[in-house]
Amino acid sequence: MNPDRKPTATAEPRGDSGRPPVRAATAADAEAITGIRSEYVLSAPLTDDWLRQCTDDLAPRLTSTGDARAFLIHAPDGTLAACALGLILPVLPAPSYPRGQAARVQLVVTHPDFRRRGYARVVVAALVDHLVAEDTTLFELRTSPQAAPLYRDFGFSGTPALCG
């Protein structure tokens, strides 16, 4: 993502549901995802070398055979407005997660120009729905106290294995 190119909060596209269109990320989105993570999530932005390394690591993981799933909303100018990224990992099965497949919600971020519009809720819902459809039965995430109510709405709790 080009840090000089900021989304502009102009008229927003809406889907049939009245919500902004959300789509599954592909390997081609890895650079934008690592860029928004660097700019708005990490305590210090990544260097160009780290951005390249993270992009190169994430891209193959966002394929159908990879272990990453992400959902995006684009700003009207085509830049990334919001993203939710989950990483899938095998775990030993148990009665409450019999498939032995877990997902860690690794990243949820909304560009500051698009916050307080429900974008995080839309991308997290798409991510969780998709992962459940792939037989993921255990979810984990770490969050700030400010964002905890959003995740409780999805069934996450305060336990280490946040949703069964």
C-alpha atoms as a PDB file:
ATOM      1  CA  MET A   1       0.000   0.000   0.000  1.00  0.00           C
ATOM      2  CA  ASN A   2       1.312   3.398  -0.864  1.00  0.00           C
ATOM      3  CA  PRO A   3       1.356   5.364   2.426  1.00  0.00           C
ATOM      4  CA  ASP A   4       0.989   8.623   0.485  1.00  0.00           C
ATOM      5  CA  ARG A   5      -2.304   7.448  -0.985  1.00  0.00           C
ATOM      6  CA  LYS A   6      -4.964   7.840   1.687  1.00  0.00           C
ATOM      7  CA  PRO A   7      -8.559   6.719   1.195  1.00  0.00           C
ATOM      8  CA  THR A   8     -11.009   9.518   0.743  1.00  0.00           C
ATOM      9  CA  ALA A   9     -14.344   9.275   2.515  1.00  0.00           C
ATOM     10  CA  THR A  10     -16.611  10.097  -0.403  1.00  0.00           C
ATOM     11  CA  ALA A  11     -19.815   8.372  -1.471  1.00  0.00           C
ATOM     12  CA  GLU A  12     -19.541   4.751  -0.461  1.00  0.00           C
ATOM     13  CA  PRO A  13     -20.571   1.885  -2.701  1.00  0.00           C
ATOM     14  CA  ARG A  14     -23.291  -0.311  -1.191  1.00  0.00           C
ATOM     15  CA  GLY A  15     -24.275  -3.866  -1.990  1.00  0.00           C
ATOM     16  CA  ASP A  16     -27.813  -5.245  -2.227  1.00  0.00           C
ATOM     17  CA  SER A  17     -27.912  -5.584   1.571  1.00  0.00           C
ATOM     18  CA  GLY A  18     -27.195  -1.866   2.022  1.00  0.00           C
ATOM     19  CA  ARG A  19     -23.773  -2.695   3.430  1.00  0.00           C
ATOM     20  CA  PRO A  20     -20.442  -1.960   1.780  1.00  0.00           C
ATOM     21  CA  PRO A  21     -19.331  -4.760  -0.554  1.00  0.00           C
ATOM     22  CA  VAL A  22     -17.012  -7.251   1.098  1.00  0.00           C
ATOM     23  CA  ARG A  23     -14.910  -9.769  -0.773  1.00  0.00           C
ATOM     24  CA  ALA A  24     -12.461 -12.558  -0.059  1.00  0.00           C
ATOM     25  CA  ALA A  25      -8.820 -11.576  -0.313  1.00  0.00           C
ATOM     26  CA  THR A  26      -6.478 -13.198  -2.799  1.00  0.00           C
ATOM     27  CA  ALA A  27      -2.705 -13.405  -2.994  1.00  0.00           C
ATOM     28  CA  ALA A  28      -2.793 -10.124  -4.944  1.00  0.00           C
ATOM     29  CA  ASP A  29      -4.124  -8.379  -1.798  1.00  0.00           C
ATOM     30  CA  ALA A  30      -1.184  -9.355   0.410  1.00  0.00           C
ATOM     31  CA  GLU A  31       0.651  -6.061  -0.091  1.00  0.00           C
ATOM     32  CA  ALA A  32      -2.384  -3.945   0.861  1.00  0.00           C
ATOM     33  CA  ILE A  33      -3.059  -6.114   3.928  1.00  0.00           C
ATOM     34  CA  THR A  34       0.523  -5.921   5.173  1.00  0.00           C
ATOM     35  CA  GLY A  35       0.542  -2.182   4.477  1.00  0.00           C
ATOM     36  CA  ILE A  36      -2.588  -1.403   6.506  1.00  0.00           C
ATOM     37  CA  ARG A  37      -1.302  -3.682   9.287  1.00  0.00           C
ATOM     38  CA  SER A  38       1.990  -1.827   9.350  1.00  0.00           C
ATOM     39  CA  GLU A  39       0.390   1.596   9.312  1.00  0.00           C
ATOM     40  CA  TYR A  40      -2.474   1.149  11.787  1.00  0.00           C
ATOM     41  CA  VAL A  41      -1.918  -1.977  13.915  1.00  0.00           C
ATOM     42  CA  LEU A  42       1.741  -2.418  14.761  1.00  0.00           C
ATOM     43  CA  SER A  43       3.392  -0.224  17.380  1.00  0.00           C
ATOM     44  CA  ALA A  44       5.910   0.975  14.780  1.00  0.00           C
ATOM     45  CA  PRO A  45       5.577   0.848  10.985  1.00  0.00           C
ATOM     46  CA  LEU A  46       7.536  -1.830   9.184  1.00  0.00           C
ATOM     47  CA  THR A  47      10.560  -0.984   7.074  1.00  0.00           C
ATOM     48  CA  ASP A  48      10.348  -1.573   3.329  1.00  0.00           C
ATOM     49  CA  ASP A  49      12.339  -4.818   3.758  1.00  0.00           C
ATOM     50  CA  TRP A  50       9.881  -6.087   6.404  1.00  0.00           C
ATOM     51  CA  LEU A  51       6.881  -5.049   4.307  1.00  0.00           C
ATOM     52  CA  ARG A  52       8.285  -7.017   1.377  1.00  0.00           C
ATOM     53  CA  GLN A  53       9.038 -10.035   3.583  1.00  0.00           C
ATOM     54  CA  CYS A  54       5.541 -10.004   5.141  1.00  0.00           C
ATOM     55  CA  THR A  55       3.901  -9.599   1.729  1.00  0.00           C
ATOM     56  CA  ASP A  56       5.955 -12.467   0.300  1.00  0.00           C
ATOM     57  CA  ASP A  57       4.994 -14.644   3.291  1.00  0.00           C
ATOM     58  CA  LEU A  58       1.280 -13.789   3.205  1.00  0.00           C
ATOM     59  CA  ALA A  59       0.612 -14.026  -0.544  1.00  0.00           C
ATOM     60  CA  PRO A  60       0.865 -17.843  -0.902  1.00  0.00           C
ATOM     61  CA  ARG A  61      -1.031 -18.300   2.358  1.00  0.00           C
ATOM     62  CA  LEU A  62      -4.046 -16.457   0.844  1.00  0.00           C
ATOM     63  CA  THR A  63      -4.515 -19.101  -1.857  1.00  0.00           C
ATOM     64  CA  SER A  64      -7.134 -21.866  -1.645  1.00  0.00           C
ATOM     65  CA  THR A  65      -4.485 -24.292  -0.386  1.00  0.00           C
ATOM     66  CA  GLY A  66      -2.948 -21.807   2.049  1.00  0.00           C
ATOM     67  CA  ASP A  67      -3.698 -21.370   5.737  1.00  0.00           C
ATOM     68  CA  ALA A  68      -4.886 -17.741   5.656  1.00  0.00           C
ATOM     69  CA  ARG A  69      -8.313 -16.307   4.919  1.00  0.00           C
ATOM     70  CA  ALA A  70      -9.098 -12.602   4.752  1.00  0.00           C
ATOM     71  CA  PHE A  71     -12.054 -10.428   3.834  1.00  0.00           C
ATOM     72  CA  LEU A  72     -11.820  -6.834   2.627  1.00  0.00           C
ATOM     73  CA  ILE A  73     -13.796  -3.691   2.037  1.00  0.00           C
ATOM     74  CA  HIS A  74     -12.372  -1.177  -0.407  1.00  0.00           C
ATOM     75  CA  ALA A  75     -12.657   2.582  -0.196  1.00  0.00           C
ATOM     76  CA  PRO A  76     -14.233   4.368  -3.196  1.00  0.00           C
ATOM     77  CA  ASP A  77     -10.750   5.140  -4.533  1.00  0.00           C
ATOM     78  CA  GLY A  78      -9.769   1.439  -4.467  1.00  0.00           C
ATOM     79  CA  THR A  79      -7.523   1.503  -1.412  1.00  0.00           C
ATOM     80  CA  LEU A  80      -8.173  -0.793   1.521  1.00  0.00           C
ATOM     81  CA  ALA A  81     -10.767   0.527   3.990  1.00  0.00           C
ATOM     82  CA  ALA A  82     -11.096  -2.545   6.262  1.00  0.00           C
ATOM     83  CA  CYS A  83      -9.737  -6.057   6.603  1.00  0.00           C
ATOM     84  CA  ALA A  84     -10.125  -9.157   8.793  1.00  0.00           C
ATOM     85  CA  LEU A  85      -7.461 -11.866   8.519  1.00  0.00           C
ATOM     86  CA  GLY A  86      -7.575 -15.319  10.070  1.00  0.00           C
ATOM     87  CA  LEU A  87      -4.926 -18.036  10.162  1.00  0.00           C
ATOM     88  CA  ILE A  88      -6.020 -21.685  10.188  1.00  0.00           C
ATOM     89  CA  LEU A  89      -4.157 -24.327  12.160  1.00  0.00           C
ATOM     90  CA  PRO A  90      -4.723 -27.963  13.063  1.00  0.00           C
ATOM     91  CA  VAL A  91      -5.400 -28.822  16.710  1.00  0.00           C
ATOM     92  CA  LEU A  92      -6.197 -32.038  18.497  1.00  0.00           C
ATOM     93  CA  PRO A  93      -9.956 -32.545  18.366  1.00  0.00           C
ATOM     94  CA  ALA A  94     -12.204 -32.445  21.407  1.00  0.00           C
ATOM     95  CA  PRO A  95     -15.979 -32.715  21.849  1.00  0.00           C
ATOM     96  CA  SER A  96     -16.510 -28.963  21.502  1.00  0.00           C
ATOM     97  CA  TYR A  97     -14.246 -28.729  18.414  1.00  0.00           C
ATOM     98  CA  PRO A  98     -14.473 -32.166  16.779  1.00  0.00           C
ATOM     99  CA  ARG A  99     -12.972 -31.196  13.424  1.00  0.00           C
ATOM    100  CA  GLY A 100      -9.590 -30.396  14.925  1.00  0.00           C
ATOM    101  CA  GLN A 101      -9.348 -27.182  12.959  1.00  0.00           C
ATOM    102  CA  ALA A 102      -8.831 -23.845  14.689  1.00  0.00           C
ATOM    103  CA  ALA A 103      -8.521 -20.300  13.450  1.00  0.00           C
ATOM    104  CA  ARG A 104      -6.769 -17.391  15.042  1.00  0.00           C
ATOM    105  CA  VAL A 105      -8.176 -13.999  14.120  1.00  0.00           C
ATOM    106  CA  GLN A 106      -4.819 -12.401  13.432  1.00  0.00           C
ATOM    107  CA  LEU A 107      -5.860  -8.964  12.251  1.00  0.00           C
ATOM    108  CA  VAL A 108      -8.911  -6.736  12.164  1.00  0.00           C
ATOM    109  CA  VAL A 109      -8.286  -3.186  11.016  1.00  0.00           C
ATOM    110  CA  THR A 110     -10.249  -0.276   9.600  1.00  0.00           C
ATOM    111  CA  HIS A 111      -8.592   2.775   8.095  1.00  0.00           C
ATOM    112  CA  PRO A 112      -9.272   5.770  10.409  1.00  0.00           C
ATOM    113  CA  ASP A 113     -11.257   7.572   7.682  1.00  0.00           C
ATOM    114  CA  PHE A 114     -13.780   4.698   7.678  1.00  0.00           C
ATOM    115  CA  ARG A 115     -14.173   3.868  11.348  1.00  0.00           C
ATOM    116  CA  ARG A 116     -17.536   3.877  13.170  1.00  0.00           C
ATOM    117  CA  ARG A 117     -19.389   2.665  10.046  1.00  0.00           C
ATOM    118  CA  GLY A 118     -19.644  -1.043  10.888  1.00  0.00           C
ATOM    119  CA  TYR A 119     -16.863  -2.109   8.516  1.00  0.00           C
ATOM    120  CA  ALA A 120     -15.074  -4.213  11.142  1.00  0.00           C
ATOM    121  CA  ARG A 121     -18.326  -6.017  11.916  1.00  0.00           C
ATOM    122  CA  VAL A 122     -18.889  -6.780   8.202  1.00  0.00           C
ATOM    123  CA  VAL A 123     -15.394  -8.178   7.537  1.00  0.00           C
ATOM    124  CA  VAL A 124     -15.313 -10.188  10.794  1.00  0.00           C
ATOM    125  CA  ALA A 125     -18.747 -11.668  10.025  1.00  0.00           C
ATOM    126  CA  ALA A 126     -17.588 -12.675   6.536  1.00  0.00           C
ATOM    127  CA  LEU A 127     -14.393 -14.212   7.942  1.00  0.00           C
ATOM    128  CA  VAL A 128     -16.130 -16.180  10.694  1.00  0.00           C
ATOM    129  CA  ASP A 129     -18.910 -17.381   8.353  1.00  0.00           C
ATOM    130  CA  HIS A 130     -16.339 -18.547   5.811  1.00  0.00           C
ATOM    131  CA  LEU A 131     -14.219 -20.335   8.407  1.00  0.00           C
ATOM    132  CA  VAL A 132     -17.247 -22.101   9.882  1.00  0.00           C
ATOM    133  CA  ALA A 133     -18.203 -23.230   6.364  1.00  0.00           C
ATOM    134  CA  GLU A 134     -14.691 -24.722   6.121  1.00  0.00           C
ATOM    135  CA  ASP A 135     -15.385 -26.754   9.313  1.00  0.00           C
ATOM    136  CA  THR A 136     -13.393 -24.548  11.653  1.00  0.00           C
ATOM    137  CA  THR A 137     -14.866 -25.162  15.092  1.00  0.00           C
ATOM    138  CA  LEU A 138     -12.471 -23.377  17.444  1.00  0.00           C
ATOM    139  CA  PHE A 139     -11.564 -19.693  17.288  1.00  0.00           C
ATOM    140  CA  GLU A 140      -9.020 -17.581  19.109  1.00  0.00           C
ATOM    141  CA  LEU A 141      -8.360 -13.887  19.157  1.00  0.00           C
ATOM    142  CA  ARG A 142      -6.781 -11.290  21.368  1.00  0.00           C
ATOM    143  CA  THR A 143      -8.375  -7.868  21.483  1.00  0.00           C
ATOM    144  CA  SER A 144      -8.394  -4.530  23.213  1.00  0.00           C
ATOM    145  CA  PRO A 145     -11.037  -3.797  25.860  1.00  0.00           C
ATOM    146  CA  GLN A 146     -12.556  -1.221  23.473  1.00  0.00           C
ATOM    147  CA  ALA A 147     -13.123  -3.812  20.743  1.00  0.00           C
ATOM    148  CA  ALA A 148     -14.261  -6.664  23.026  1.00  0.00           C
ATOM    149  CA  PRO A 149     -18.020  -5.891  22.667  1.00  0.00           C
ATOM    150  CA  LEU A 150     -17.814  -6.420  18.899  1.00  0.00           C
ATOM    151  CA  TYR A 151     -16.326  -9.870  19.357  1.00  0.00           C
ATOM    152  CA  ARG A 152     -18.751 -10.840  22.129  1.00  0.00           C
ATOM    153  CA  ASP A 153     -21.545 -10.212  19.597  1.00  0.00           C
ATOM    154  CA  PHE A 154     -19.973 -12.995  17.502  1.00  0.00           C
ATOM    155  CA  GLY A 155     -19.852 -15.418  20.435  1.00  0.00           C
ATOM    156  CA  PHE A 156     -16.280 -14.873  21.535  1.00  0.00           C
ATOM    157  CA  SER A 157     -15.724 -14.958  25.303  1.00  0.00           C
ATOM    158  CA  GLY A 158     -12.917 -14.074  27.693  1.00  0.00           C
ATOM    159  CA  THR A 159     -11.435 -17.569  27.809  1.00  0.00           C
ATOM    160  CA  PRO A 160      -8.213 -18.510  25.998  1.00  0.00           C
ATOM    161  CA  ALA A 161     -10.217 -20.570  23.485  1.00  0.00           C
ATOM    162  CA  LEU A 162     -12.651 -17.788  22.795  1.00  0.00           C
ATOM    163  CA  CYS A 163     -15.377 -19.490  20.830  1.00  0.00           C
ATOM    164  CA  GLY A 164     -16.187 -23.152  20.490  1.00  0.00           C
END
